[in-house]
Amino acid sequence: MNAKEQRQNGTHRVSLGYTIRSWWMVMAAASLGEDLVILAETGLTLPQVLTLYRLHDASPQCVSSIAAFLHLSQPATSQLLGRLVDEGLVDRSEDPGDRRRKRLALTTKGARLVTRLIDAKSRGLDHAANRLSPALRSRLACVLQEALAELEQAPEGAPCPPGRKERSRHENA
């Protein structure tokens, strides 16, 4: 049963999470094509792309912070990062404050790829959002900007949602 049928027969869930998920699925369907072409071209996995986005948004990072972000073990994360370094997308250097730690940052090539992915996603999302009335698009943009501002002020490192557990090192090996 799709969302429209659920609304019509009164079984539609009204939680914010469900609503956002439904919105995300509509938008993803409209904007996924070009993303998939880029992923196929590059051969990158979703965790590798997420790592590139993370380094784009907050750089430099260390291996442990990327591992925590991806919910992977440090060895699995090191292997993932090794491929990104080998591809010339990420630079790995010594942390001047602690020579045992490695600092990770996007290379110029990595930054260009992330910009390409962001631009592709934005074009698809704009195309889908253009089906909304101009007044609704404007209101939605304002609400989303307000929500993002609050989320950016919220403390990082929130616990995993109920039902999701942290992976142990043995599960990731």
C-alpha atoms as a PDB file:
ATOM      1  CA  MET A   1       0.000   0.000   0.000  1.00  0.00           C
ATOM      2  CA  ASN A   2       1.514   3.344  -0.980  1.00  0.00           C
ATOM      3  CA  ALA A   3       1.402   6.556   1.078  1.00  0.00           C
ATOM      4  CA  LYS A   4      -1.537   7.983  -0.877  1.00  0.00           C
ATOM      5  CA  GLU A   5      -3.631   4.850  -0.284  1.00  0.00           C
ATOM      6  CA  GLN A   6      -2.675   4.882   3.406  1.00  0.00           C
ATOM      7  CA  ARG A   7      -3.858   8.491   3.770  1.00  0.00           C
ATOM      8  CA  GLN A   8      -7.134   7.666   2.027  1.00  0.00           C
ATOM      9  CA  ASN A   9      -7.990   4.688   4.239  1.00  0.00           C
ATOM     10  CA  GLY A  10      -6.756   6.247   7.486  1.00  0.00           C
ATOM     11  CA  THR A  11      -3.843   3.856   8.126  1.00  0.00           C
ATOM     12  CA  HIS A  12      -1.183   6.444   7.303  1.00  0.00           C
ATOM     13  CA  ARG A  13       1.455   6.799   9.987  1.00  0.00           C
ATOM     14  CA  VAL A  14       1.944  10.345  11.165  1.00  0.00           C
ATOM     15  CA  SER A  15       5.275  10.144  13.001  1.00  0.00           C
ATOM     16  CA  LEU A  16       7.893  12.627  11.912  1.00  0.00           C
ATOM     17  CA  GLY A  17      10.364   9.847  11.211  1.00  0.00           C
ATOM     18  CA  TYR A  18       7.943   8.041   8.933  1.00  0.00           C
ATOM     19  CA  THR A  19       7.052  11.273   7.152  1.00  0.00           C
ATOM     20  CA  ILE A  20      10.704  12.158   6.592  1.00  0.00           C
ATOM     21  CA  ARG A  21      11.404   8.619   5.353  1.00  0.00           C
ATOM     22  CA  SER A  22       8.499   8.841   2.902  1.00  0.00           C
ATOM     23  CA  TRP A  23       9.718  12.253   1.708  1.00  0.00           C
ATOM     24  CA  TRP A  24      13.251  10.910   1.380  1.00  0.00           C
ATOM     25  CA  MET A  25      12.091   7.945  -0.707  1.00  0.00           C
ATOM     26  CA  VAL A  26      10.222  10.205  -3.144  1.00  0.00           C
ATOM     27  CA  MET A  27      13.199  12.527  -3.426  1.00  0.00           C
ATOM     28  CA  ALA A  28      15.715   9.675  -3.695  1.00  0.00           C
ATOM     29  CA  ALA A  29      13.749   8.082  -6.511  1.00  0.00           C
ATOM     30  CA  ALA A  30      13.840  11.379  -8.392  1.00  0.00           C
ATOM     31  CA  SER A  31      17.539  12.027  -7.839  1.00  0.00           C
ATOM     32  CA  LEU A  32      19.253   8.645  -7.755  1.00  0.00           C
ATOM     33  CA  GLY A  33      19.990   8.126 -11.446  1.00  0.00           C
ATOM     34  CA  GLU A  34      22.969  10.417 -11.861  1.00  0.00           C
ATOM     35  CA  ASP A  35      24.363   9.313  -8.466  1.00  0.00           C
ATOM     36  CA  LEU A  36      24.350   5.685  -9.587  1.00  0.00           C
ATOM     37  CA  VAL A  37      26.123   6.575 -12.825  1.00  0.00           C
ATOM     38  CA  ILE A  38      28.888   8.305 -10.857  1.00  0.00           C
ATOM     39  CA  LEU A  39      29.184   5.378  -8.421  1.00  0.00           C
ATOM     40  CA  ALA A  40      29.405   2.928 -11.310  1.00  0.00           C
ATOM     41  CA  GLU A  41      32.071   5.085 -12.997  1.00  0.00           C
ATOM     42  CA  THR A  42      34.210   5.329  -9.884  1.00  0.00           C
ATOM     43  CA  GLY A  43      33.552   1.862  -8.435  1.00  0.00           C
ATOM     44  CA  LEU A  44      33.203   3.397  -4.976  1.00  0.00           C
ATOM     45  CA  THR A  45      31.082   1.820  -2.275  1.00  0.00           C
ATOM     46  CA  LEU A  46      28.527   3.675  -0.185  1.00  0.00           C
ATOM     47  CA  PRO A  47      30.804   3.720   2.913  1.00  0.00           C
ATOM     48  CA  GLN A  48      33.598   5.176   0.778  1.00  0.00           C
ATOM     49  CA  VAL A  49      31.301   7.888  -0.574  1.00  0.00           C
ATOM     50  CA  LEU A  50      30.044   8.654   2.944  1.00  0.00           C
ATOM     51  CA  THR A  51      33.667   8.983   4.039  1.00  0.00           C
ATOM     52  CA  LEU A  52      34.336  11.459   1.244  1.00  0.00           C
ATOM     53  CA  TYR A  53      31.277  13.480   2.286  1.00  0.00           C
ATOM     54  CA  ARG A  54      32.448  13.426   5.908  1.00  0.00           C
ATOM     55  CA  LEU A  55      35.899  14.676   4.926  1.00  0.00           C
ATOM     56  CA  HIS A  56      34.283  17.328   2.746  1.00  0.00           C
ATOM     57  CA  ASP A  57      32.202  18.583   5.680  1.00  0.00           C
ATOM     58  CA  ALA A  58      34.807  18.262   8.443  1.00  0.00           C
ATOM     59  CA  SER A  59      38.458  17.920   7.560  1.00  0.00           C
ATOM     60  CA  PRO A  60      40.942  16.779   8.652  1.00  0.00           C
ATOM     61  CA  GLN A  61      39.742  13.662  10.458  1.00  0.00           C
ATOM     62  CA  CYS A  62      41.525  10.740  12.073  1.00  0.00           C
ATOM     63  CA  VAL A  63      40.869   7.062  11.370  1.00  0.00           C
ATOM     64  CA  SER A  64      39.013   6.575  14.666  1.00  0.00           C
ATOM     65  CA  SER A  65      36.579   9.413  13.960  1.00  0.00           C
ATOM     66  CA  ILE A  66      35.801   7.986  10.509  1.00  0.00           C
ATOM     67  CA  ALA A  67      35.398   4.512  12.055  1.00  0.00           C
ATOM     68  CA  ALA A  68      32.944   5.887  14.631  1.00  0.00           C
ATOM     69  CA  PHE A  69      31.040   7.766  11.922  1.00  0.00           C
ATOM     70  CA  LEU A  70      30.691   4.630   9.771  1.00  0.00           C
ATOM     71  CA  HIS A  71      30.172   2.263  12.747  1.00  0.00           C
ATOM     72  CA  LEU A  72      33.074   0.142  11.515  1.00  0.00           C
ATOM     73  CA  SER A  73      36.153  -1.265  13.204  1.00  0.00           C
ATOM     74  CA  GLN A  74      39.422   0.619  12.823  1.00  0.00           C
ATOM     75  CA  PRO A  75      40.969  -2.150  10.682  1.00  0.00           C
ATOM     76  CA  ALA A  76      37.963  -2.142   8.320  1.00  0.00           C
ATOM     77  CA  THR A  77      38.068   1.644   8.175  1.00  0.00           C
ATOM     78  CA  SER A  78      41.823   1.644   7.512  1.00  0.00           C
ATOM     79  CA  GLN A  79      41.285  -0.715   4.587  1.00  0.00           C
ATOM     80  CA  LEU A  80      38.474   1.483   3.216  1.00  0.00           C
ATOM     81  CA  LEU A  81      40.666   4.575   3.570  1.00  0.00           C
ATOM     82  CA  GLY A  82      43.587   2.804   1.911  1.00  0.00           C
ATOM     83  CA  ARG A  83      41.544   2.419  -1.257  1.00  0.00           C
ATOM     84  CA  LEU A  84      40.588   6.103  -1.188  1.00  0.00           C
ATOM     85  CA  VAL A  85      44.248   7.052  -0.717  1.00  0.00           C
ATOM     86  CA  ASP A  86      45.271   4.715  -3.556  1.00  0.00           C
ATOM     87  CA  GLU A  87      42.647   6.318  -5.815  1.00  0.00           C
ATOM     88  CA  GLY A  88      44.099   9.766  -5.034  1.00  0.00           C
ATOM     89  CA  LEU A  89      40.870  10.949  -3.379  1.00  0.00           C
ATOM     90  CA  VAL A  90      42.174  11.205   0.197  1.00  0.00           C
ATOM     91  CA  ASP A  91      45.490  12.366   1.595  1.00  0.00           C
ATOM     92  CA  ARG A  92      46.846  10.604   4.682  1.00  0.00           C
ATOM     93  CA  SER A  93      49.525  12.411   6.676  1.00  0.00           C
ATOM     94  CA  GLU A  94      51.063  12.333  10.134  1.00  0.00           C
ATOM     95  CA  ASP A  95      49.314  14.308  12.851  1.00  0.00           C
ATOM     96  CA  PRO A  96      51.905  16.868  14.003  1.00  0.00           C
ATOM     97  CA  GLY A  97      50.589  16.607  17.579  1.00  0.00           C
ATOM     98  CA  ASP A  98      50.767  12.794  17.738  1.00  0.00           C
ATOM     99  CA  ARG A  99      52.924  10.953  15.212  1.00  0.00           C
ATOM    100  CA  ARG A 100      51.017   7.701  15.850  1.00  0.00           C
ATOM    101  CA  ARG A 101      47.815   9.255  14.477  1.00  0.00           C
ATOM    102  CA  LYS A 102      47.072   9.870  10.830  1.00  0.00           C
ATOM    103  CA  ARG A 103      45.240  12.930   9.546  1.00  0.00           C
ATOM    104  CA  LEU A 104      42.900  12.410   6.618  1.00  0.00           C
ATOM    105  CA  ALA A 105      41.764  15.083   4.209  1.00  0.00           C
ATOM    106  CA  LEU A 106      40.322  15.250   0.716  1.00  0.00           C
ATOM    107  CA  THR A 107      42.690  15.792  -2.152  1.00  0.00           C
ATOM    108  CA  THR A 108      41.757  18.167  -4.947  1.00  0.00           C
ATOM    109  CA  LYS A 109      40.578  15.143  -6.947  1.00  0.00           C
ATOM    110  CA  GLY A 110      38.455  13.975  -3.995  1.00  0.00           C
ATOM    111  CA  ALA A 111      36.947  17.432  -3.538  1.00  0.00           C
ATOM    112  CA  ARG A 112      36.044  17.559  -7.249  1.00  0.00           C
ATOM    113  CA  LEU A 113      34.305  14.182  -6.987  1.00  0.00           C
ATOM    114  CA  VAL A 114      32.317  15.232  -3.914  1.00  0.00           C
ATOM    115  CA  THR A 115      31.308  18.473  -5.649  1.00  0.00           C
ATOM    116  CA  ARG A 116      30.185  16.432  -8.661  1.00  0.00           C
ATOM    117  CA  LEU A 117      28.110  14.139  -6.414  1.00  0.00           C
ATOM    118  CA  ILE A 118      26.579  17.073  -4.536  1.00  0.00           C
ATOM    119  CA  ASP A 119      25.739  18.882  -7.779  1.00  0.00           C
ATOM    120  CA  ALA A 120      24.152  15.729  -9.257  1.00  0.00           C
ATOM    121  CA  LYS A 121      22.071  15.143  -6.135  1.00  0.00           C
ATOM    122  CA  SER A 122      21.040  18.803  -5.977  1.00  0.00           C
ATOM    123  CA  ARG A 123      19.905  18.803  -9.604  1.00  0.00           C
ATOM    124  CA  GLY A 124      17.754  15.734  -9.001  1.00  0.00           C
ATOM    125  CA  LEU A 125      16.294  17.124  -5.787  1.00  0.00           C
ATOM    126  CA  ASP A 126      15.561  20.478  -7.426  1.00  0.00           C
ATOM    127  CA  HIS A 127      13.836  18.696 -10.284  1.00  0.00           C
ATOM    128  CA  ALA A 128      11.624  16.766  -7.847  1.00  0.00           C
ATOM    129  CA  ALA A 129      10.944  19.793  -5.639  1.00  0.00           C
ATOM    130  CA  ASN A 130       9.915  21.842  -8.669  1.00  0.00           C
ATOM    131  CA  ARG A 131       6.740  19.739  -8.754  1.00  0.00           C
ATOM    132  CA  LEU A 132       5.683  21.592  -5.575  1.00  0.00           C
ATOM    133  CA  SER A 133       3.996  24.973  -5.694  1.00  0.00           C
ATOM    134  CA  PRO A 134       6.369  27.939  -5.315  1.00  0.00           C
ATOM    135  CA  ALA A 135       4.711  28.896  -2.013  1.00  0.00           C
ATOM    136  CA  LEU A 136       5.149  25.405  -0.551  1.00  0.00           C
ATOM    137  CA  ARG A 137       8.761  25.202  -1.790  1.00  0.00           C
ATOM    138  CA  SER A 138       9.510  28.491  -0.061  1.00  0.00           C
ATOM    139  CA  ARG A 139       7.887  27.427   3.235  1.00  0.00           C
ATOM    140  CA  LEU A 140       9.608  24.049   3.099  1.00  0.00           C
ATOM    141  CA  ALA A 141      13.004  25.659   2.481  1.00  0.00           C
ATOM    142  CA  CYS A 142      12.520  27.925   5.503  1.00  0.00           C
ATOM    143  CA  VAL A 143      11.485  25.055   7.789  1.00  0.00           C
ATOM    144  CA  LEU A 144      14.356  22.856   6.620  1.00  0.00           C
ATOM    145  CA  GLN A 145      16.883  25.675   7.133  1.00  0.00           C
ATOM    146  CA  GLU A 146      15.527  26.244  10.644  1.00  0.00           C
ATOM    147  CA  ALA A 147      15.713  22.510  11.434  1.00  0.00           C
ATOM    148  CA  LEU A 148      19.267  22.271  10.091  1.00  0.00           C
ATOM    149  CA  ALA A 149      20.345  25.227  12.227  1.00  0.00           C
ATOM    150  CA  GLU A 150      18.999  23.481  15.351  1.00  0.00           C
ATOM    151  CA  LEU A 151      20.532  20.145  14.425  1.00  0.00           C
ATOM    152  CA  GLU A 152      23.927  21.761  13.847  1.00  0.00           C
ATOM    153  CA  GLN A 153      23.785  23.176  17.393  1.00  0.00           C
ATOM    154  CA  ALA A 154      22.821  19.812  18.932  1.00  0.00           C
ATOM    155  CA  PRO A 155      25.623  17.895  20.615  1.00  0.00           C
ATOM    156  CA  GLU A 156      27.363  15.285  18.473  1.00  0.00           C
ATOM    157  CA  GLY A 157      27.759  11.675  19.426  1.00  0.00           C
ATOM    158  CA  ALA A 158      24.154  10.934  20.268  1.00  0.00           C
ATOM    159  CA  PRO A 159      23.612   7.317  21.257  1.00  0.00           C
ATOM    160  CA  CYS A 160      22.433   4.807  18.671  1.00  0.00           C
ATOM    161  CA  PRO A 161      18.656   4.756  18.230  1.00  0.00           C
ATOM    162  CA  PRO A 162      16.747   2.018  20.065  1.00  0.00           C
ATOM    163  CA  GLY A 163      17.090  -1.334  18.366  1.00  0.00           C
ATOM    164  CA  ARG A 164      20.442  -0.517  16.813  1.00  0.00           C
ATOM    165  CA  LYS A 165      23.566  -1.705  18.540  1.00  0.00           C
ATOM    166  CA  GLU A 166      27.145  -0.723  18.023  1.00  0.00           C
ATOM    167  CA  ARG A 167      29.074  -3.322  16.049  1.00  0.00           C
ATOM    168  CA  SER A 168      31.838  -5.107  17.859  1.00  0.00           C
ATOM    169  CA  ARG A 169      35.287  -5.447  16.362  1.00  0.00           C
ATOM    170  CA  HIS A 170      34.640  -9.132  15.653  1.00  0.00           C
ATOM    171  CA  GLU A 171      31.521  -8.365  13.590  1.00  0.00           C
ATOM    172  CA  ASN A 172      33.512  -6.055  11.319  1.00  0.00           C
ATOM    173  CA  ALA A 173      36.566  -8.218  10.783  1.00  0.00           C
END
